[in-house]
């Protein structure tokens, strides 16, 4: 199976290896402190739902026992797929994120 994705823009590219430490359906979004410094206009938290930028599913990437703050997730912006537009996360169409989340177990590299 192959999926189209959106990736991190320059300066926010993923590097390293990780495992799925957690999965969530319609996850809430709390922008990291560093993101809020760059974008103080962002909400401090957004509940899960159709307007949430994490989309329908999120796979939380962990390394060395810690949350990396990087995610593989759906998106509310399908036009970002195929572009380097995120703050480092891997964006997918919601249908693809649903499919991937159903195929991947917590703990998978």
PDB file of N, CA and C in Angstrom:
ATOM      1  N   UNK A   1       0.851  -1.178   0.000  1.00  0.00           N
ATOM      2  CA  UNK A   1       0.000   0.000   0.000  1.00  0.00           C
ATOM      3  C   UNK A   1       0.894   1.236   0.000  1.00  0.00           C
ATOM      4  N   UNK A   2       0.552   2.216  -0.791  1.00  0.00           N
ATOM      5  CA  UNK A   2       1.284   3.483  -0.839  1.00  0.00           C
ATOM      6  C   UNK A   2       0.298   4.619  -0.565  1.00  0.00           C
ATOM      7  N   UNK A   3       0.761   5.624   0.166  1.00  0.00           N
ATOM      8  CA  UNK A   3      -0.052   6.782   0.498  1.00  0.00           C
ATOM      9  C   UNK A   3       0.692   8.042   0.084  1.00  0.00           C
ATOM     10  N   UNK A   4      -0.038   9.041  -0.369  1.00  0.00           N
ATOM     11  CA  UNK A   4       0.542  10.361  -0.542  1.00  0.00           C
ATOM     12  C   UNK A   4       0.638  11.013   0.830  1.00  0.00           C
ATOM     13  N   UNK A   5       1.686  11.794   1.050  1.00  0.00           N
ATOM     14  CA  UNK A   5       1.856  12.476   2.331  1.00  0.00           C
ATOM     15  C   UNK A   5       2.303  13.908   2.122  1.00  0.00           C
ATOM     16  N   UNK A   6       2.157  14.700   3.144  1.00  0.00           N
ATOM     17  CA  UNK A   6       2.776  16.016   3.241  1.00  0.00           C
ATOM     18  C   UNK A   6       3.834  15.913   4.323  1.00  0.00           C
ATOM     19  N   UNK A   7       4.931  16.610   4.166  1.00  0.00           N
ATOM     20  CA  UNK A   7       6.042  16.507   5.119  1.00  0.00           C
ATOM     21  C   UNK A   7       6.410  17.881   5.659  1.00  0.00           C
ATOM     22  N   UNK A   8       7.395  17.898   6.541  1.00  0.00           N
ATOM     23  CA  UNK A   8       7.853  19.140   7.149  1.00  0.00           C
ATOM     24  C   UNK A   8       8.526  20.059   6.155  1.00  0.00           C
ATOM     25  N   UNK A   9       8.235  21.342   6.294  1.00  0.00           N
ATOM     26  CA  UNK A   9       8.899  22.331   5.452  1.00  0.00           C
ATOM     27  C   UNK A   9      10.355  22.458   5.902  1.00  0.00           C
ATOM     28  N   UNK A  10      11.146  23.185   5.123  1.00  0.00           N
ATOM     29  CA  UNK A  10      12.569  23.339   5.424  1.00  0.00           C
ATOM     30  C   UNK A  10      12.756  23.822   6.857  1.00  0.00           C
ATOM     31  N   UNK A  11      13.658  23.182   7.555  1.00  0.00           N
ATOM     32  CA  UNK A  11      13.909  23.501   8.947  1.00  0.00           C
ATOM     33  C   UNK A  11      13.087  22.677   9.918  1.00  0.00           C
ATOM     34  N   UNK A  12      12.135  21.887   9.404  1.00  0.00           N
ATOM     35  CA  UNK A  12      11.259  21.081  10.253  1.00  0.00           C
ATOM     36  C   UNK A  12      11.171  19.641   9.753  1.00  0.00           C
ATOM     37  N   UNK A  13      12.226  19.172   9.112  1.00  0.00           N
ATOM     38  CA  UNK A  13      12.199  17.837   8.533  1.00  0.00           C
ATOM     39  C   UNK A  13      12.455  16.778   9.602  1.00  0.00           C
ATOM     40  N   UNK A  14      11.787  15.643   9.447  1.00  0.00           N
ATOM     41  CA  UNK A  14      11.964  14.508  10.363  1.00  0.00           C
ATOM     42  C   UNK A  14      13.332  13.893  10.135  1.00  0.00           C
ATOM     43  N   UNK A  15      13.968  13.454  11.229  1.00  0.00           N
ATOM     44  CA  UNK A  15      15.239  12.759  11.138  1.00  0.00           C
ATOM     45  C   UNK A  15      15.289  11.745  12.276  1.00  0.00           C
ATOM     46  N   UNK A  16      15.651  10.513  11.979  1.00  0.00           N
ATOM     47  CA  UNK A  16      15.796   9.510  13.021  1.00  0.00           C
ATOM     48  C   UNK A  16      14.850   8.343  12.849  1.00  0.00           C
ATOM     49  N   UNK A  17      14.728   7.546  13.903  1.00  0.00           N
ATOM     50  CA  UNK A  17      13.810   6.414  13.898  1.00  0.00           C
ATOM     51  C   UNK A  17      12.955   6.485  15.156  1.00  0.00           C
ATOM     52  N   UNK A  18      11.796   5.899  15.082  1.00  0.00           N
ATOM     53  CA  UNK A  18      10.846   5.965  16.187  1.00  0.00           C
ATOM     54  C   UNK A  18       9.904   4.775  16.103  1.00  0.00           C
ATOM     55  N   UNK A  19       9.062   4.669  17.099  1.00  0.00           N
ATOM     56  CA  UNK A  19       7.992   3.666  17.087  1.00  0.00           C
ATOM     57  C   UNK A  19       6.675   4.357  17.447  1.00  0.00           C
ATOM     58  N   UNK A  20       5.585   3.708  17.090  1.00  0.00           N
ATOM     59  CA  UNK A  20       4.263   4.237  17.429  1.00  0.00           C
ATOM     60  C   UNK A  20       4.037   3.973  18.915  1.00  0.00           C
ATOM     61  N   UNK A  21       3.975   5.041  19.684  1.00  0.00           N
ATOM     62  CA  UNK A  21       3.781   4.923  21.129  1.00  0.00           C
ATOM     63  C   UNK A  21       2.334   5.031  21.544  1.00  0.00           C
ATOM     64  N   UNK A  22       1.510   5.565  20.652  1.00  0.00           N
ATOM     65  CA  UNK A  22       0.088   5.764  20.968  1.00  0.00           C
ATOM     66  C   UNK A  22      -0.656   6.025  19.682  1.00  0.00           C
ATOM     67  N   UNK A  23      -1.926   5.669  19.650  1.00  0.00           N
ATOM     68  CA  UNK A  23      -2.817   5.981  18.533  1.00  0.00           C
ATOM     69  C   UNK A  23      -4.048   6.679  19.095  1.00  0.00           C
ATOM     70  N   UNK A  24      -4.615   7.585  18.312  1.00  0.00           N
ATOM     71  CA  UNK A  24      -5.813   8.289  18.768  1.00  0.00           C
ATOM     72  C   UNK A  24      -6.793   8.485  17.624  1.00  0.00           C
ATOM     73  N   UNK A  25      -8.086   8.385  17.963  1.00  0.00           N
ATOM     74  CA  UNK A  25      -9.167   8.678  17.021  1.00  0.00           C
ATOM     75  C   UNK A  25      -9.633  10.104  17.266  1.00  0.00           C
ATOM     76  N   UNK A  26      -9.753  10.885  16.205  1.00  0.00           N
ATOM     77  CA  UNK A  26     -10.148  12.285  16.294  1.00  0.00           C
ATOM     78  C   UNK A  26      -9.433  12.945  17.470  1.00  0.00           C
ATOM     79  N   UNK A  27      -8.102  12.976  17.405  1.00  0.00           N
ATOM     80  CA  UNK A  27      -7.313  13.475  18.539  1.00  0.00           C
ATOM     81  C   UNK A  27      -7.470  14.966  18.772  1.00  0.00           C
ATOM     82  N   UNK A  28      -7.333  15.351  20.022  1.00  0.00           N
ATOM     83  CA  UNK A  28      -7.217  16.763  20.349  1.00  0.00           C
ATOM     84  C   UNK A  28      -5.824  17.238  19.957  1.00  0.00           C
ATOM     85  N   UNK A  29      -5.671  18.529  19.818  1.00  0.00           N
ATOM     86  CA  UNK A  29      -4.386  19.096  19.410  1.00  0.00           C
ATOM     87  C   UNK A  29      -3.978  20.188  20.380  1.00  0.00           C
ATOM     88  N   UNK A  30      -2.798  20.046  20.946  1.00  0.00           N
ATOM     89  CA  UNK A  30      -2.194  21.065  21.788  1.00  0.00           C
ATOM     90  C   UNK A  30      -0.874  21.440  21.123  1.00  0.00           C
ATOM     91  N   UNK A  31      -0.795  22.599  20.495  1.00  0.00           N
ATOM     92  CA  UNK A  31       0.451  22.983  19.826  1.00  0.00           C
ATOM     93  C   UNK A  31       1.613  23.015  20.814  1.00  0.00           C
ATOM     94  N   UNK A  32       2.773  22.485  20.421  1.00  0.00           N
ATOM     95  CA  UNK A  32       3.941  22.546  21.303  1.00  0.00           C
ATOM     96  C   UNK A  32       4.354  23.994  21.582  1.00  0.00           C
ATOM     97  N   UNK A  33       5.026  24.186  22.684  1.00  0.00           N
ATOM     98  CA  UNK A  33       5.492  25.514  23.115  1.00  0.00           C
ATOM     99  C   UNK A  33       6.254  26.234  22.004  1.00  0.00           C
ATOM    100  N   UNK A  34       7.135  25.494  21.304  1.00  0.00           N
ATOM    101  CA  UNK A  34       7.935  26.104  20.242  1.00  0.00           C
ATOM    102  C   UNK A  34       7.049  26.632  19.111  1.00  0.00           C
ATOM    103  N   UNK A  35       5.984  25.894  18.794  1.00  0.00           N
ATOM    104  CA  UNK A  35       5.066  26.316  17.747  1.00  0.00           C
ATOM    105  C   UNK A  35       4.298  27.564  18.191  1.00  0.00           C
ATOM    106  N   UNK A  36       3.900  27.597  19.447  1.00  0.00           N
ATOM    107  CA  UNK A  36       3.175  28.762  19.954  1.00  0.00           C
ATOM    108  C   UNK A  36       4.051  30.010  19.951  1.00  0.00           C
ATOM    109  N   UNK A  37       5.361  29.845  20.142  1.00  0.00           N
ATOM    110  CA  UNK A  37       6.268  30.997  20.060  1.00  0.00           C
ATOM    111  C   UNK A  37       6.285  31.568  18.644  1.00  0.00           C
ATOM    112  N   UNK A  38       6.275  30.667  17.646  1.00  0.00           N
ATOM    113  CA  UNK A  38       6.269  31.106  16.244  1.00  0.00           C
ATOM    114  C   UNK A  38       4.906  31.632  15.821  1.00  0.00           C
ATOM    115  N   UNK A  39       3.851  31.054  16.383  1.00  0.00           N
ATOM    116  CA  UNK A  39       2.481  31.365  15.970  1.00  0.00           C
ATOM    117  C   UNK A  39       1.603  31.626  17.195  1.00  0.00           C
ATOM    118  N   UNK A  40       1.746  32.767  17.852  1.00  0.00           N
ATOM    119  CA  UNK A  40       0.952  33.032  19.061  1.00  0.00           C
ATOM    120  C   UNK A  40      -0.547  33.119  18.796  1.00  0.00           C
ATOM    121  N   UNK A  41      -0.960  33.173  17.519  1.00  0.00           N
ATOM    122  CA  UNK A  41      -2.374  33.239  17.175  1.00  0.00           C
ATOM    123  C   UNK A  41      -3.064  31.872  17.280  1.00  0.00           C
ATOM    124  N   UNK A  42      -2.280  30.795  17.417  1.00  0.00           N
ATOM    125  CA  UNK A  42      -2.871  29.456  17.475  1.00  0.00           C
ATOM    126  C   UNK A  42      -3.605  29.245  18.793  1.00  0.00           C
ATOM    127  N   UNK A  43      -4.616  28.366  18.788  1.00  0.00           N
ATOM    128  CA  UNK A  43      -5.297  28.050  20.050  1.00  0.00           C
ATOM    129  C   UNK A  43      -4.347  27.286  20.971  1.00  0.00           C
ATOM    130  N   UNK A  44      -4.569  27.382  22.268  1.00  0.00           N
ATOM    131  CA  UNK A  44      -3.738  26.627  23.223  1.00  0.00           C
ATOM    132  C   UNK A  44      -4.118  25.155  23.208  1.00  0.00           C
ATOM    133  N   UNK A  45      -5.358  24.857  22.819  1.00  0.00           N
ATOM    134  CA  UNK A  45      -5.822  23.474  22.658  1.00  0.00           C
ATOM    135  C   UNK A  45      -7.040  23.491  21.740  1.00  0.00           C
ATOM    136  N   UNK A  46      -7.173  22.427  20.966  1.00  0.00           N
ATOM    137  CA  UNK A  46      -8.338  22.267  20.103  1.00  0.00           C
ATOM    138  C   UNK A  46      -8.821  20.825  20.244  1.00  0.00           C
ATOM    139  N   UNK A  47     -10.090  20.661  20.595  1.00  0.00           N
ATOM    140  CA  UNK A  47     -10.651  19.318  20.684  1.00  0.00           C
ATOM    141  C   UNK A  47     -10.668  18.658  19.310  1.00  0.00           C
ATOM    142  N   UNK A  48     -10.696  17.336  19.295  1.00  0.00           N
ATOM    143  CA  UNK A  48     -10.771  16.599  18.043  1.00  0.00           C
ATOM    144  C   UNK A  48     -12.032  16.939  17.270  1.00  0.00           C
ATOM    145  N   UNK A  49     -11.957  16.806  15.954  1.00  0.00           N
ATOM    146  CA  UNK A  49     -13.104  17.088  15.109  1.00  0.00           C
ATOM    147  C   UNK A  49     -12.659  17.465  13.713  1.00  0.00           C
ATOM    148  N   UNK A  50     -13.598  17.737  12.861  1.00  0.00           N
ATOM    149  CA  UNK A  50     -13.335  17.968  11.437  1.00  0.00           C
ATOM    150  C   UNK A  50     -12.445  19.185  11.195  1.00  0.00           C
ATOM    151  N   UNK A  51     -12.471  20.186  12.067  1.00  0.00           N
ATOM    152  CA  UNK A  51     -11.634  21.390  11.901  1.00  0.00           C
ATOM    153  C   UNK A  51     -10.235  21.232  12.488  1.00  0.00           C
ATOM    154  N   UNK A  52     -10.013  20.171  13.247  1.00  0.00           N
ATOM    155  CA  UNK A  52      -8.730  19.946  13.908  1.00  0.00           C
ATOM    156  C   UNK A  52      -7.665  19.569  12.884  1.00  0.00           C
ATOM    157  N   UNK A  53      -6.471  20.174  12.937  1.00  0.00           N
ATOM    158  CA  UNK A  53      -5.441  19.875  11.948  1.00  0.00           C
ATOM    159  C   UNK A  53      -4.874  18.461  12.022  1.00  0.00           C
ATOM    160  N   UNK A  54      -5.116  17.709  13.107  1.00  0.00           N
ATOM    161  CA  UNK A  54      -4.633  16.329  13.183  1.00  0.00           C
ATOM    162  C   UNK A  54      -5.561  15.340  12.488  1.00  0.00           C
ATOM    163  N   UNK A  55      -6.715  15.789  12.046  1.00  0.00           N
ATOM    164  CA  UNK A  55      -7.598  14.936  11.270  1.00  0.00           C
ATOM    165  C   UNK A  55      -8.219  13.806  12.067  1.00  0.00           C
ATOM    166  N   UNK A  56      -8.561  12.736  11.345  1.00  0.00           N
ATOM    167  CA  UNK A  56      -9.345  11.638  11.898  1.00  0.00           C
ATOM    168  C   UNK A  56      -8.545  10.680  12.778  1.00  0.00           C
ATOM    169  N   UNK A  57      -7.259  10.539  12.524  1.00  0.00           N
ATOM    170  CA  UNK A  57      -6.417   9.611  13.285  1.00  0.00           C
ATOM    171  C   UNK A  57      -5.020  10.199  13.431  1.00  0.00           C
ATOM    172  N   UNK A  58      -4.359   9.825  14.521  1.00  0.00           N
ATOM    173  CA  UNK A  58      -2.972  10.228  14.735  1.00  0.00           C
ATOM    174  C   UNK A  58      -2.197   9.065  15.317  1.00  0.00           C
ATOM    175  N   UNK A  59      -0.998   8.871  14.794  1.00  0.00           N
ATOM    176  CA  UNK A  59      -0.040   7.919  15.335  1.00  0.00           C
ATOM    177  C   UNK A  59       1.068   8.762  15.964  1.00  0.00           C
ATOM    178  N   UNK A  60       1.275   8.608  17.257  1.00  0.00           N
ATOM    179  CA  UNK A  60       2.227   9.410  18.017  1.00  0.00           C
ATOM    180  C   UNK A  60       3.579   8.704  18.001  1.00  0.00           C
ATOM    181  N   UNK A  61       4.608   9.392  17.529  1.00  0.00           N
ATOM    182  CA  UNK A  61       5.928   8.792  17.377  1.00  0.00           C
ATOM    183  C   UNK A  61       6.773   9.013  18.627  1.00  0.00           C
ATOM    184  N   UNK A  62       7.313   7.916  19.158  1.00  0.00           N
ATOM    185  CA  UNK A  62       8.134   7.933  20.362  1.00  0.00           C
ATOM    186  C   UNK A  62       9.532   7.413  20.032  1.00  0.00           C
ATOM    187  N   UNK A  63      10.530   7.907  20.745  1.00  0.00           N
ATOM    188  CA  UNK A  63      11.908   7.428  20.630  1.00  0.00           C
ATOM    189  C   UNK A  63      12.551   7.514  22.011  1.00  0.00           C
ATOM    190  N   UNK A  64      13.314   6.524  22.359  1.00  0.00           N
ATOM    191  CA  UNK A  64      14.002   6.499  23.657  1.00  0.00           C
ATOM    192  C   UNK A  64      13.041   6.723  24.819  1.00  0.00           C
ATOM    193  N   UNK A  65      11.833   6.152  24.711  1.00  0.00           N
ATOM    194  CA  UNK A  65      10.857   6.241  25.781  1.00  0.00           C
ATOM    195  C   UNK A  65      10.139   7.569  25.911  1.00  0.00           C
ATOM    196  N   UNK A  66      10.367   8.495  24.960  1.00  0.00           N
ATOM    197  CA  UNK A  66       9.750   9.818  25.048  1.00  0.00           C
ATOM    198  C   UNK A  66       8.971  10.146  23.779  1.00  0.00           C
ATOM    199  N   UNK A  67       7.935  10.935  23.950  1.00  0.00           N
ATOM    200  CA  UNK A  67       7.162  11.446  22.822  1.00  0.00           C
ATOM    201  C   UNK A  67       8.037  12.425  22.051  1.00  0.00           C
ATOM    202  N   UNK A  68       8.212  12.193  20.746  1.00  0.00           N
ATOM    203  CA  UNK A  68       9.033  13.083  19.916  1.00  0.00           C
ATOM    204  C   UNK A  68       8.300  14.371  19.548  1.00  0.00           C
ATOM    205  N   UNK A  69       6.991  14.415  19.774  1.00  0.00           N
ATOM    206  CA  UNK A  69       6.087  15.491  19.360  1.00  0.00           C
ATOM    207  C   UNK A  69       5.822  15.465  17.851  1.00  0.00           C
ATOM    208  N   UNK A  70       6.347  14.466  17.149  1.00  0.00           N
ATOM    209  CA  UNK A  70       6.036  14.267  15.737  1.00  0.00           C
ATOM    210  C   UNK A  70       4.908  13.248  15.628  1.00  0.00           C
ATOM    211  N   UNK A  71       4.089  13.418  14.609  1.00  0.00           N
ATOM    212  CA  UNK A  71       2.935  12.558  14.408  1.00  0.00           C
ATOM    213  C   UNK A  71       2.833  12.151  12.942  1.00  0.00           C
ATOM    214  N   UNK A  72       2.181  11.033  12.725  1.00  0.00           N
ATOM    215  CA  UNK A  72       1.652  10.675  11.405  1.00  0.00           C
ATOM    216  C   UNK A  72       0.152  10.842  11.594  1.00  0.00           C
ATOM    217  N   UNK A  73      -0.458  11.741  10.841  1.00  0.00           N
ATOM    218  CA  UNK A  73      -1.865  12.050  11.126  1.00  0.00           C
ATOM    219  C   UNK A  73      -2.628  12.444   9.869  1.00  0.00           C
ATOM    220  N   UNK A  74      -3.945  12.425  10.005  1.00  0.00           N
ATOM    221  CA  UNK A  74      -4.809  12.931   8.952  1.00  0.00           C
ATOM    222  C   UNK A  74      -4.674  14.449   8.894  1.00  0.00           C
ATOM    223  N   UNK A  75      -5.469  15.052   8.042  1.00  0.00           N
ATOM    224  CA  UNK A  75      -5.401  16.514   7.930  1.00  0.00           C
ATOM    225  C   UNK A  75      -6.754  17.096   7.559  1.00  0.00           C
ATOM    226  N   UNK A  76      -6.967  18.337   7.971  1.00  0.00           N
ATOM    227  CA  UNK A  76      -8.141  19.088   7.539  1.00  0.00           C
ATOM    228  C   UNK A  76      -7.796  19.959   6.328  1.00  0.00           C
ATOM    229  N   UNK A  77      -6.575  19.772   5.794  1.00  0.00           N
ATOM    230  CA  UNK A  77      -6.107  20.545   4.636  1.00  0.00           C
ATOM    231  C   UNK A  77      -5.572  19.589   3.565  1.00  0.00           C
ATOM    232  N   UNK A  78      -6.457  18.940   2.811  1.00  0.00           N
ATOM    233  CA  UNK A  78      -5.997  17.958   1.822  1.00  0.00           C
ATOM    234  C   UNK A  78      -5.081  18.547   0.754  1.00  0.00           C
ATOM    235  N   UNK A  79      -5.111  19.861   0.537  1.00  0.00           N
ATOM    236  CA  UNK A  79      -4.214  20.478  -0.443  1.00  0.00           C
ATOM    237  C   UNK A  79      -2.757  20.473   0.010  1.00  0.00           C
ATOM    238  N   UNK A  80      -2.502  20.161   1.276  1.00  0.00           N
ATOM    239  CA  UNK A  80      -1.121  20.118   1.772  1.00  0.00           C
ATOM    240  C   UNK A  80      -0.433  18.791   1.436  1.00  0.00           C
ATOM    241  N   UNK A  81      -1.195  17.811   0.982  1.00  0.00           N
ATOM    242  CA  UNK A  81      -0.608  16.514   0.624  1.00  0.00           C
ATOM    243  C   UNK A  81       0.258  16.702  -0.623  1.00  0.00           C
ATOM    244  N   UNK A  82       1.471  16.129  -0.553  1.00  0.00           N
ATOM    245  CA  UNK A  82       2.410  16.268  -1.661  1.00  0.00           C
ATOM    246  C   UNK A  82       3.306  17.483  -1.536  1.00  0.00           C
ATOM    247  N   UNK A  83       3.168  18.212  -0.443  1.00  0.00           N
ATOM    248  CA  UNK A  83       3.966  19.426  -0.256  1.00  0.00           C
ATOM    249  C   UNK A  83       4.759  19.351   1.044  1.00  0.00           C
ATOM    250  N   UNK A  84       5.803  20.132   1.135  1.00  0.00           N
ATOM    251  CA  UNK A  84       6.562  20.308   2.372  1.00  0.00           C
ATOM    252  C   UNK A  84       5.962  21.521   3.069  1.00  0.00           C
ATOM    253  N   UNK A  85       4.970  21.292   3.930  1.00  0.00           N
ATOM    254  CA  UNK A  85       4.205  22.406   4.484  1.00  0.00           C
ATOM    255  C   UNK A  85       3.983  22.323   5.992  1.00  0.00           C
ATOM    256  N   UNK A  86       4.344  21.204   6.618  1.00  0.00           N
ATOM    257  CA  UNK A  86       4.025  21.034   8.035  1.00  0.00           C
ATOM    258  C   UNK A  86       5.175  21.507   8.927  1.00  0.00           C
ATOM    259  N   UNK A  87       4.934  21.432  10.224  1.00  0.00           N
ATOM    260  CA  UNK A  87       5.989  21.729  11.209  1.00  0.00           C
ATOM    261  C   UNK A  87       6.748  20.461  11.570  1.00  0.00           C
ATOM    262  N   UNK A  88       6.745  19.492  10.674  1.00  0.00           N
ATOM    263  CA  UNK A  88       7.515  18.269  10.860  1.00  0.00           C
ATOM    264  C   UNK A  88       6.710  17.001  10.809  1.00  0.00           C
ATOM    265  N   UNK A  89       5.420  17.080  11.082  1.00  0.00           N
ATOM    266  CA  UNK A  89       4.594  15.880  11.055  1.00  0.00           C
ATOM    267  C   UNK A  89       4.377  15.373   9.629  1.00  0.00           C
ATOM    268  N   UNK A  90       3.964  14.134   9.539  1.00  0.00           N
ATOM    269  CA  UNK A  90       3.604  13.519   8.266  1.00  0.00           C
ATOM    270  C   UNK A  90       2.087  13.585   8.136  1.00  0.00           C
ATOM    271  N   UNK A  91       1.595  14.345   7.184  1.00  0.00           N
ATOM    272  CA  UNK A  91       0.160  14.505   6.969  1.00  0.00           C
ATOM    273  C   UNK A  91      -0.323  13.526   5.916  1.00  0.00           C
ATOM    274  N   UNK A  92      -1.535  13.036   6.098  1.00  0.00           N
ATOM    275  CA  UNK A  92      -2.157  12.119   5.145  1.00  0.00           C
ATOM    276  C   UNK A  92      -3.616  12.526   4.966  1.00  0.00           C
ATOM    277  N   UNK A  93      -4.188  12.120   3.861  1.00  0.00           N
ATOM    278  CA  UNK A  93      -5.638  12.261   3.724  1.00  0.00           C
ATOM    279  C   UNK A  93      -6.291  11.472   4.851  1.00  0.00           C
ATOM    280  N   UNK A  94      -7.426  11.946   5.356  1.00  0.00           N
ATOM    281  CA  UNK A  94      -8.068  11.267   6.476  1.00  0.00           C
ATOM    282  C   UNK A  94      -8.362   9.801   6.188  1.00  0.00           C
ATOM    283  N   UNK A  95      -8.824   9.482   4.988  1.00  0.00           N
ATOM    284  CA  UNK A  95      -9.100   8.087   4.653  1.00  0.00           C
ATOM    285  C   UNK A  95      -7.852   7.226   4.704  1.00  0.00           C
ATOM    286  N   UNK A  96      -6.730   7.785   4.268  1.00  0.00           N
ATOM    287  CA  UNK A  96      -5.460   7.046   4.327  1.00  0.00           C
ATOM    288  C   UNK A  96      -4.995   6.895   5.773  1.00  0.00           C
ATOM    289  N   UNK A  97      -5.184   7.929   6.594  1.00  0.00           N
ATOM    290  CA  UNK A  97      -4.807   7.846   8.004  1.00  0.00           C
ATOM    291  C   UNK A  97      -5.644   6.786   8.719  1.00  0.00           C
ATOM    292  N   UNK A  98      -6.924   6.712   8.377  1.00  0.00           N
ATOM    293  CA  UNK A  98      -7.789   5.666   8.948  1.00  0.00           C
ATOM    294  C   UNK A  98      -7.273   4.285   8.562  1.00  0.00           C
ATOM    295  N   UNK A  99      -6.922   4.107   7.299  1.00  0.00           N
ATOM    296  CA  UNK A  99      -6.423   2.825   6.816  1.00  0.00           C
ATOM    297  C   UNK A  99      -5.114   2.458   7.518  1.00  0.00           C
ATOM    298  N   UNK A 100      -4.159   3.382   7.558  1.00  0.00           N
ATOM    299  CA  UNK A 100      -2.870   3.106   8.176  1.00  0.00           C
ATOM    300  C   UNK A 100      -3.033   2.784   9.661  1.00  0.00           C
ATOM    301  N   UNK A 101      -3.829   3.553  10.376  1.00  0.00           N
ATOM    302  CA  UNK A 101      -4.033   3.323  11.809  1.00  0.00           C
ATOM    303  C   UNK A 101      -4.622   1.937  12.064  1.00  0.00           C
ATOM    304  N   UNK A 102      -5.438   1.458  11.141  1.00  0.00           N
ATOM    305  CA  UNK A 102      -5.989   0.105  11.273  1.00  0.00           C
ATOM    306  C   UNK A 102      -4.991  -0.991  10.999  1.00  0.00           C
ATOM    307  N   UNK A 103      -3.916  -0.674  10.303  1.00  0.00           N
ATOM    308  CA  UNK A 103      -2.889  -1.660   9.947  1.00  0.00           C
ATOM    309  C   UNK A 103      -1.704  -1.694  10.903  1.00  0.00           C
ATOM    310  N   UNK A 104      -1.519  -0.628  11.672  1.00  0.00           N
ATOM    311  CA  UNK A 104      -0.325  -0.456  12.496  1.00  0.00           C
ATOM    312  C   UNK A 104      -0.696  -0.591  13.980  1.00  0.00           C
ATOM    313  N   UNK A 105       0.069  -1.399  14.708  1.00  0.00           N
ATOM    314  CA  UNK A 105      -0.132  -1.555  16.148  1.00  0.00           C
ATOM    315  C   UNK A 105       0.813  -0.646  16.919  1.00  0.00           C
ATOM    316  N   UNK A 106       0.422  -0.283  18.127  1.00  0.00           N
ATOM    317  CA  UNK A 106       1.310   0.442  19.022  1.00  0.00           C
ATOM    318  C   UNK A 106       2.563  -0.416  19.226  1.00  0.00           C
ATOM    319  N   UNK A 107       3.708   0.219  19.187  1.00  0.00           N
ATOM    320  CA  UNK A 107       4.973  -0.472  19.327  1.00  0.00           C
ATOM    321  C   UNK A 107       5.695  -0.688  18.004  1.00  0.00           C
ATOM    322  N   UNK A 108       4.973  -0.549  16.887  1.00  0.00           N
ATOM    323  CA  UNK A 108       5.565  -0.771  15.559  1.00  0.00           C
ATOM    324  C   UNK A 108       6.560   0.322  15.216  1.00  0.00           C
ATOM    325  N   UNK A 109       7.737  -0.051  14.692  1.00  0.00           N
ATOM    326  CA  UNK A 109       8.727   0.920  14.236  1.00  0.00           C
ATOM    327  C   UNK A 109       8.285   1.509  12.919  1.00  0.00           C
TER     328      UNK A 109
END
